Protein backbone atom coordinates (compact mmCIF):
# COMPACT_ATOMS: atom_id res chain seq x y z
CA GLU A 1 18.90 -21.55 78.08
CA ALA A 2 16.68 -22.07 74.51
CA ASN A 3 15.47 -25.26 75.78
CA GLY A 4 14.40 -24.36 78.92
CA LEU A 5 17.43 -25.18 80.77
CA ALA A 6 18.99 -22.79 83.56
CA PHE A 7 22.83 -22.94 84.19
CA GLY A 8 23.69 -21.42 87.45
CA ALA A 9 26.93 -19.03 87.57
CA PRO A 10 30.64 -21.17 87.08
CA LYS A 11 32.21 -21.27 90.32
CA ARG A 12 35.03 -19.07 90.59
CA CYS A 13 38.64 -20.74 91.24
CA ASP A 14 39.81 -20.52 95.10
CA LEU A 15 43.46 -20.97 94.30
CA TYR A 16 45.41 -20.78 90.74
CA LEU A 17 49.00 -22.18 91.19
CA ALA A 18 52.25 -21.25 88.43
CA ALA A 19 54.63 -23.27 88.45
CA LEU A 20 58.35 -22.50 87.36
CA GLY A 21 59.86 -25.95 86.85
CA GLU A 22 59.43 -29.51 86.95
CA ALA A 23 59.25 -29.90 90.36
CA ALA A 24 57.47 -27.06 91.20
CA SER A 25 54.97 -28.94 89.11
CA VAL A 26 54.72 -32.26 90.94
CA MET A 27 54.40 -30.17 93.80
CA ALA A 28 51.84 -27.54 92.83
CA LEU A 29 49.80 -30.71 91.44
CA ALA A 30 50.23 -32.25 94.86
CA ILE A 31 48.63 -28.83 96.57
CA ALA A 32 46.05 -29.06 94.05
CA GLU A 33 44.94 -32.41 95.16
CA ARG A 34 45.02 -31.32 98.96
CA VAL A 35 42.79 -28.46 97.82
CA ARG A 36 40.61 -30.09 96.32
CA ALA A 37 39.98 -32.55 98.64
CA GLU A 38 39.31 -30.10 101.32
CA GLY A 39 36.21 -28.94 98.41
CA PHE A 40 38.12 -25.40 96.81
CA ILE A 41 38.35 -25.18 93.36
CA ALA A 42 42.10 -25.41 92.08
CA GLU A 43 43.35 -24.49 88.62
CA ILE A 44 46.60 -25.35 87.70
CA ASP A 45 48.47 -23.45 85.26
CA LEU A 46 49.24 -25.76 82.09
CA MET A 47 50.04 -23.41 79.20
CA ASP A 48 53.30 -22.84 80.44
CA ARG A 49 52.62 -18.99 80.47
CA SER A 50 55.06 -16.49 82.58
CA VAL A 51 54.55 -15.34 85.90
CA LYS A 52 52.96 -12.56 84.36
CA ALA A 53 50.33 -13.62 82.57
CA SER A 54 49.65 -16.32 84.94
CA MET A 55 48.87 -13.57 86.95
CA LYS A 56 46.66 -11.73 84.79
CA TYR A 57 44.80 -14.64 83.70
CA ALA A 58 44.36 -15.53 87.53
CA GLY A 59 42.65 -12.42 87.87
CA LYS A 60 40.81 -12.37 84.96
CA THR A 61 39.29 -15.58 85.78
CA GLY A 62 38.34 -14.14 89.18
CA CYS A 63 40.50 -16.73 91.47
CA ALA A 64 40.49 -15.42 94.79
CA PHE A 65 44.02 -16.40 95.38
CA SER A 66 47.17 -17.47 93.26
CA MET A 67 50.77 -18.66 94.41
CA VAL A 68 53.91 -18.97 92.16
CA LEU A 69 55.87 -22.46 92.76
CA GLY A 70 59.17 -22.24 92.36
CA ASP A 71 63.13 -23.79 93.49
CA ASN A 72 63.20 -21.39 96.24
CA GLU A 73 59.62 -21.78 97.06
CA LEU A 74 60.44 -25.66 97.50
CA ASN A 75 63.51 -25.14 99.31
CA ALA A 76 61.91 -22.60 101.60
CA GLY A 77 58.53 -24.46 102.24
CA LYS A 78 56.87 -21.53 101.86
CA ALA A 79 55.08 -19.41 99.37
CA ALA A 80 53.37 -15.65 98.61
CA LEU A 81 49.80 -16.13 98.70
CA LYS A 82 48.59 -13.22 96.31
CA ILE A 83 45.05 -12.93 98.00
CA MET A 84 43.81 -10.97 94.01
CA LYS A 85 40.72 -8.93 95.22
CA THR A 86 43.59 -6.42 97.58
CA GLY A 87 46.98 -7.07 95.50
CA GLU A 88 48.09 -8.07 99.54
CA THR A 89 50.27 -11.27 99.19
CA VAL A 90 51.29 -13.22 102.45
CA GLU A 91 53.82 -16.24 103.09
CA THR A 92 52.20 -19.42 103.68
CA ASP A 93 53.59 -22.19 104.87
CA LEU A 94 53.13 -25.08 101.84
CA GLU A 95 51.97 -27.89 104.38
CA SER A 96 49.77 -26.45 107.02
CA GLY A 97 49.31 -22.52 106.52
CA LEU A 98 47.67 -22.49 102.93
CA MET A 99 44.71 -24.46 104.00
CA GLU A 100 44.19 -21.73 107.26
CA GLN A 101 43.99 -18.87 104.83
CA LEU A 102 41.79 -20.33 101.58
CA TYR A 103 38.94 -21.41 104.72
CA ALA A 104 39.92 -17.33 105.80
CA GLY A 105 39.45 -15.92 102.36
CA LYS A 106 36.01 -18.25 102.18
CA ARG A 107 34.90 -17.04 105.00
CA ASP A 108 35.14 -13.37 104.41
CA ASP A 109 33.37 -14.46 101.01
CA VAL A 110 30.45 -16.00 103.23
CA ILE A 111 30.12 -12.69 105.82
CA ALA A 112 30.38 -10.27 102.59
CA ALA A 113 27.71 -11.46 100.91
CA LEU A 114 25.64 -11.38 104.57
């Protein structure tokens, strides 16, 4: 800014993933890759935070959604997707339902901005 350069506001994280365990970490990386390929911004907890600390961080940084992955979620193929703005959680399929929810959230943000 001092040199006359303008920087836009940083882009908001669309999905924050917290993984509990090695298998969940591998799945979180795969999900983040898939989400990013669709043009969304995904962050993965690399600091080995507790679930509570991860959710606090996701809220503090303005992420739209958060998800915690562990053995139970991997075995079920589903996880709770938390809508950070409202605190509501929606159970979503890890393979197909996640992208649907992210697109719906993005659409709602665009409509609210009009």
